[in-house]
Amino acid sequence: MAAFLQIMEVETSRIEEVEAFAKRMADERGDAILANQATFTADRDRPGVYMIIVEFDDYETAMRNSNDPEMAKYAAEMTSLLNGPPKFFNLDVRMVRTGRQ
């Protein structure tokens, strides 16, 4: 279970390029990636708006990832594919329910 989530809300008309970029970054970074999982979603009510949900073990790991100079280079490249700056949400996980509990 992730203990910290970072959600990036982005707007882009170039989502295929963003997804290709994310795949290339993951391939290049390999074991240096500190996130457990990243989920790309599309907002059904707002075309061109996407949420990228990144799961980390904890806040400290997420901040190590955010402060990595290599990640800063990737962030700048990704931002160039967006219609504007991403909006970030930093969330501590309090409870996770699965199934129909």
N, C-alpha and C. Protein backbone atom coordinates (compact mmCIF):
# COMPACT_ATOMS: atom_id res chain seq x y z
N MET A 1 0.84 -1.18 0.00
CA MET A 1 0.00 0.00 0.00
C MET A 1 0.88 1.24 0.00
N ALA A 2 0.57 2.18 -0.86
CA ALA A 2 1.29 3.44 -0.89
C ALA A 2 0.89 4.28 0.32
N ALA A 3 1.84 5.00 0.87
CA ALA A 3 1.55 5.85 2.01
C ALA A 3 1.50 7.31 1.60
N PHE A 4 1.88 7.61 0.35
CA PHE A 4 1.87 8.98 -0.14
C PHE A 4 1.56 8.97 -1.63
N LEU A 5 0.66 9.86 -2.04
CA LEU A 5 0.31 10.00 -3.46
C LEU A 5 0.61 11.41 -3.90
N GLN A 6 1.16 11.53 -5.08
CA GLN A 6 1.30 12.83 -5.70
C GLN A 6 0.45 12.80 -6.97
N ILE A 7 -0.46 13.73 -7.09
CA ILE A 7 -1.30 13.82 -8.27
C ILE A 7 -0.91 15.08 -9.03
N MET A 8 -0.67 14.91 -10.31
CA MET A 8 -0.38 16.05 -11.18
C MET A 8 -1.57 16.21 -12.13
N GLU A 9 -2.18 17.35 -12.11
CA GLU A 9 -3.23 17.66 -13.07
C GLU A 9 -2.56 18.44 -14.20
N VAL A 10 -2.70 17.93 -15.43
CA VAL A 10 -2.07 18.57 -16.58
C VAL A 10 -3.10 18.77 -17.68
N GLU A 11 -2.87 19.80 -18.47
CA GLU A 11 -3.69 20.02 -19.65
C GLU A 11 -2.75 19.98 -20.85
N THR A 12 -3.13 19.18 -21.86
CA THR A 12 -2.30 19.07 -23.05
C THR A 12 -3.13 18.61 -24.24
N SER A 13 -2.72 19.04 -25.39
CA SER A 13 -3.29 18.53 -26.63
C SER A 13 -2.34 17.50 -27.25
N ARG A 14 -1.31 17.13 -26.48
CA ARG A 14 -0.26 16.23 -26.97
C ARG A 14 -0.11 15.01 -26.05
N ILE A 15 -1.23 14.42 -25.63
CA ILE A 15 -1.18 13.35 -24.64
C ILE A 15 -0.37 12.15 -25.12
N GLU A 16 -0.44 11.82 -26.41
CA GLU A 16 0.34 10.68 -26.90
C GLU A 16 1.83 10.93 -26.71
N GLU A 17 2.26 12.18 -26.91
CA GLU A 17 3.67 12.53 -26.70
C GLU A 17 4.03 12.47 -25.21
N VAL A 18 3.11 12.91 -24.36
CA VAL A 18 3.34 12.84 -22.91
C VAL A 18 3.50 11.39 -22.48
N GLU A 19 2.62 10.51 -22.97
CA GLU A 19 2.70 9.09 -22.61
C GLU A 19 3.98 8.45 -23.16
N ALA A 20 4.37 8.80 -24.36
CA ALA A 20 5.62 8.27 -24.94
C ALA A 20 6.81 8.78 -24.14
N PHE A 21 6.76 10.05 -23.73
CA PHE A 21 7.82 10.61 -22.90
C PHE A 21 7.92 9.86 -21.57
N ALA A 22 6.77 9.59 -20.93
CA ALA A 22 6.77 8.88 -19.64
C ALA A 22 7.37 7.49 -19.79
N LYS A 23 7.06 6.81 -20.88
CA LYS A 23 7.62 5.48 -21.11
C LYS A 23 9.13 5.56 -21.31
N ARG A 24 9.58 6.54 -22.10
CA ARG A 24 11.01 6.71 -22.34
C ARG A 24 11.73 7.04 -21.03
N MET A 25 11.15 7.92 -20.22
CA MET A 25 11.77 8.27 -18.95
C MET A 25 11.91 7.03 -18.06
N ALA A 26 10.85 6.23 -17.99
CA ALA A 26 10.90 5.01 -17.17
C ALA A 26 11.98 4.06 -17.68
N ASP A 27 12.08 3.92 -18.99
CA ASP A 27 13.11 3.05 -19.57
C ASP A 27 14.51 3.57 -19.25
N GLU A 28 14.70 4.88 -19.37
CA GLU A 28 16.02 5.47 -19.12
C GLU A 28 16.39 5.47 -17.65
N ARG A 29 15.44 5.73 -16.78
CA ARG A 29 15.71 5.82 -15.34
C ARG A 29 15.83 4.44 -14.69
N GLY A 30 15.09 3.47 -15.19
CA GLY A 30 15.18 2.11 -14.67
C GLY A 30 15.04 2.04 -13.17
N ASP A 31 16.02 1.44 -12.51
CA ASP A 31 15.98 1.23 -11.06
C ASP A 31 16.10 2.52 -10.26
N ALA A 32 16.43 3.63 -10.90
CA ALA A 32 16.53 4.91 -10.17
C ALA A 32 15.17 5.50 -9.86
N ILE A 33 14.12 4.95 -10.45
CA ILE A 33 12.77 5.44 -10.19
C ILE A 33 12.36 5.08 -8.77
N LEU A 34 11.92 6.06 -8.03
CA LEU A 34 11.55 5.85 -6.62
C LEU A 34 10.07 5.60 -6.43
N ALA A 35 9.27 5.88 -7.44
CA ALA A 35 7.82 5.67 -7.33
C ALA A 35 7.49 4.19 -7.45
N ASN A 36 6.44 3.78 -6.77
CA ASN A 36 5.97 2.40 -6.86
C ASN A 36 5.12 2.18 -8.11
N GLN A 37 4.37 3.21 -8.48
CA GLN A 37 3.44 3.07 -9.60
C GLN A 37 3.00 4.45 -10.05
N ALA A 38 2.72 4.58 -11.35
CA ALA A 38 2.13 5.81 -11.88
C ALA A 38 0.94 5.42 -12.73
N THR A 39 -0.17 6.10 -12.53
CA THR A 39 -1.41 5.85 -13.26
C THR A 39 -1.79 7.11 -14.01
N PHE A 40 -1.96 6.98 -15.33
CA PHE A 40 -2.37 8.11 -16.16
C PHE A 40 -3.87 8.01 -16.38
N THR A 41 -4.59 9.10 -16.14
CA THR A 41 -6.04 9.10 -16.31
C THR A 41 -6.46 10.29 -17.16
N ALA A 42 -7.62 10.17 -17.81
CA ALA A 42 -8.20 11.26 -18.59
C ALA A 42 -9.49 11.69 -17.93
N ASP A 43 -9.68 12.99 -17.80
CA ASP A 43 -10.89 13.53 -17.20
C ASP A 43 -12.01 13.49 -18.24
N ARG A 44 -13.03 12.72 -17.99
CA ARG A 44 -14.14 12.58 -18.94
C ARG A 44 -14.94 13.87 -19.09
N ASP A 45 -14.93 14.70 -18.08
CA ASP A 45 -15.74 15.92 -18.11
C ASP A 45 -14.98 17.13 -18.67
N ARG A 46 -13.67 17.01 -18.77
CA ARG A 46 -12.86 18.12 -19.27
C ARG A 46 -11.86 17.59 -20.30
N PRO A 47 -12.23 17.57 -21.55
CA PRO A 47 -11.33 17.05 -22.58
C PRO A 47 -9.99 17.79 -22.56
N GLY A 48 -8.92 17.02 -22.72
CA GLY A 48 -7.58 17.60 -22.71
C GLY A 48 -6.98 17.75 -21.34
N VAL A 49 -7.72 17.33 -20.28
CA VAL A 49 -7.21 17.40 -18.91
C VAL A 49 -6.94 15.98 -18.43
N TYR A 50 -5.78 15.79 -17.81
CA TYR A 50 -5.33 14.47 -17.38
C TYR A 50 -4.80 14.56 -15.96
N MET A 51 -4.95 13.48 -15.22
CA MET A 51 -4.39 13.36 -13.87
C MET A 51 -3.38 12.22 -13.91
N ILE A 52 -2.21 12.49 -13.40
CA ILE A 52 -1.18 11.47 -13.28
C ILE A 52 -1.02 11.23 -11.78
N ILE A 53 -1.33 10.00 -11.37
CA ILE A 53 -1.32 9.64 -9.95
C ILE A 53 -0.08 8.79 -9.70
N VAL A 54 0.83 9.31 -8.87
CA VAL A 54 2.10 8.63 -8.61
C VAL A 54 2.12 8.19 -7.15
N GLU A 55 2.39 6.90 -6.94
CA GLU A 55 2.38 6.31 -5.60
C GLU A 55 3.81 6.12 -5.10
N PHE A 56 4.05 6.55 -3.86
CA PHE A 56 5.35 6.40 -3.20
C PHE A 56 5.15 5.71 -1.86
N ASP A 57 6.24 5.16 -1.32
CA ASP A 57 6.18 4.55 0.01
C ASP A 57 5.85 5.58 1.08
N ASP A 58 6.42 6.79 0.93
CA ASP A 58 6.22 7.83 1.93
C ASP A 58 6.57 9.19 1.34
N TYR A 59 6.26 10.22 2.08
CA TYR A 59 6.51 11.60 1.65
C TYR A 59 7.99 11.85 1.39
N GLU A 60 8.83 11.34 2.28
CA GLU A 60 10.27 11.57 2.15
C GLU A 60 10.81 11.01 0.84
N THR A 61 10.34 9.83 0.45
CA THR A 61 10.77 9.24 -0.82
C THR A 61 10.30 10.09 -1.99
N ALA A 62 9.08 10.59 -1.92
CA ALA A 62 8.56 11.45 -2.98
C ALA A 62 9.39 12.73 -3.10
N MET A 63 9.80 13.29 -1.97
CA MET A 63 10.60 14.51 -2.01
C MET A 63 12.01 14.24 -2.53
N ARG A 64 12.58 13.08 -2.19
CA ARG A 64 13.88 12.70 -2.77
C ARG A 64 13.75 12.62 -4.29
N ASN A 65 12.65 12.06 -4.75
CA ASN A 65 12.40 11.95 -6.18
C ASN A 65 12.27 13.35 -6.80
N SER A 66 11.48 14.20 -6.17
CA SER A 66 11.24 15.55 -6.70
C SER A 66 12.52 16.39 -6.72
N ASN A 67 13.40 16.17 -5.76
CA ASN A 67 14.63 16.96 -5.65
C ASN A 67 15.81 16.38 -6.44
N ASP A 68 15.62 15.25 -7.07
CA ASP A 68 16.68 14.63 -7.88
C ASP A 68 16.94 15.51 -9.11
N PRO A 69 18.17 15.97 -9.32
CA PRO A 69 18.47 16.82 -10.49
C PRO A 69 18.08 16.18 -11.82
N GLU A 70 18.18 14.88 -11.93
CA GLU A 70 17.78 14.20 -13.17
C GLU A 70 16.27 14.31 -13.38
N MET A 71 15.51 14.21 -12.30
CA MET A 71 14.06 14.35 -12.42
C MET A 71 13.70 15.78 -12.83
N ALA A 72 14.47 16.75 -12.37
CA ALA A 72 14.20 18.15 -12.75
C ALA A 72 14.34 18.32 -14.27
N LYS A 73 15.31 17.64 -14.86
CA LYS A 73 15.48 17.69 -16.32
C LYS A 73 14.26 17.08 -17.02
N TYR A 74 13.81 15.94 -16.52
CA TYR A 74 12.63 15.30 -17.11
C TYR A 74 11.39 16.17 -16.92
N ALA A 75 11.26 16.79 -15.76
CA ALA A 75 10.10 17.64 -15.49
C ALA A 75 10.05 18.81 -16.47
N ALA A 76 11.20 19.40 -16.75
CA ALA A 76 11.24 20.51 -17.70
C ALA A 76 10.84 20.04 -19.09
N GLU A 77 11.31 18.86 -19.47
CA GLU A 77 10.96 18.33 -20.79
C GLU A 77 9.46 18.05 -20.87
N MET A 78 8.91 17.46 -19.83
CA MET A 78 7.49 17.15 -19.84
C MET A 78 6.66 18.43 -19.89
N THR A 79 7.06 19.44 -19.13
CA THR A 79 6.33 20.69 -19.10
C THR A 79 6.24 21.32 -20.49
N SER A 80 7.25 21.08 -21.31
CA SER A 80 7.22 21.63 -22.67
C SER A 80 6.12 21.00 -23.53
N LEU A 81 5.58 19.86 -23.10
CA LEU A 81 4.51 19.19 -23.84
C LEU A 81 3.12 19.59 -23.35
N LEU A 82 3.07 20.44 -22.32
CA LEU A 82 1.80 20.81 -21.70
C LEU A 82 1.34 22.18 -22.16
N ASN A 83 0.05 22.44 -21.99
CA ASN A 83 -0.53 23.73 -22.34
C ASN A 83 -0.25 24.79 -21.27
N GLY A 84 0.23 24.38 -20.12
CA GLY A 84 0.53 25.28 -19.02
C GLY A 84 1.19 24.48 -17.92
N PRO A 85 1.51 25.12 -16.81
CA PRO A 85 2.18 24.39 -15.73
C PRO A 85 1.24 23.37 -15.09
N PRO A 86 1.81 22.24 -14.64
CA PRO A 86 0.97 21.25 -13.95
C PRO A 86 0.55 21.78 -12.59
N LYS A 87 -0.56 21.25 -12.10
CA LYS A 87 -1.03 21.55 -10.75
C LYS A 87 -0.78 20.30 -9.91
N PHE A 88 -0.16 20.46 -8.75
CA PHE A 88 0.22 19.33 -7.92
C PHE A 88 -0.67 19.22 -6.69
N PHE A 89 -0.97 17.99 -6.32
CA PHE A 89 -1.68 17.66 -5.09
C PHE A 89 -0.82 16.64 -4.36
N ASN A 90 -0.43 16.93 -3.13
CA ASN A 90 0.40 16.04 -2.32
C ASN A 90 -0.44 15.47 -1.20
N LEU A 91 -0.64 14.14 -1.24
CA LEU A 91 -1.63 13.51 -0.38
C LEU A 91 -1.04 12.40 0.48
N ASP A 92 -1.20 12.51 1.79
CA ASP A 92 -0.88 11.40 2.68
C ASP A 92 -2.05 10.42 2.66
N VAL A 93 -1.74 9.15 2.47
CA VAL A 93 -2.78 8.12 2.46
C VAL A 93 -3.18 7.83 3.90
N ARG A 94 -4.45 7.92 4.18
CA ARG A 94 -4.94 7.67 5.53
C ARG A 94 -5.59 6.30 5.64
N MET A 95 -6.24 5.86 4.58
CA MET A 95 -6.91 4.57 4.63
C MET A 95 -7.10 4.11 3.18
N VAL A 96 -6.99 2.80 2.98
CA VAL A 96 -7.27 2.21 1.68
C VAL A 96 -8.28 1.09 1.90
N ARG A 97 -9.36 1.11 1.14
CA ARG A 97 -10.34 0.04 1.18
C ARG A 97 -10.32 -0.66 -0.16
N THR A 98 -10.47 -1.94 -0.14
CA THR A 98 -10.51 -2.70 -1.38
C THR A 98 -11.81 -3.50 -1.44
N GLY A 99 -12.21 -3.81 -2.63
CA GLY A 99 -13.42 -4.60 -2.79
C GLY A 99 -14.66 -3.87 -2.30
N ARG A 100 -15.61 -4.62 -1.84
CA ARG A 100 -16.88 -4.07 -1.39
C ARG A 100 -16.98 -4.11 0.13
N GLN A 101 -15.97 -3.63 0.79
CA GLN A 101 -15.93 -3.65 2.26
C GLN A 101 -16.91 -2.70 2.85
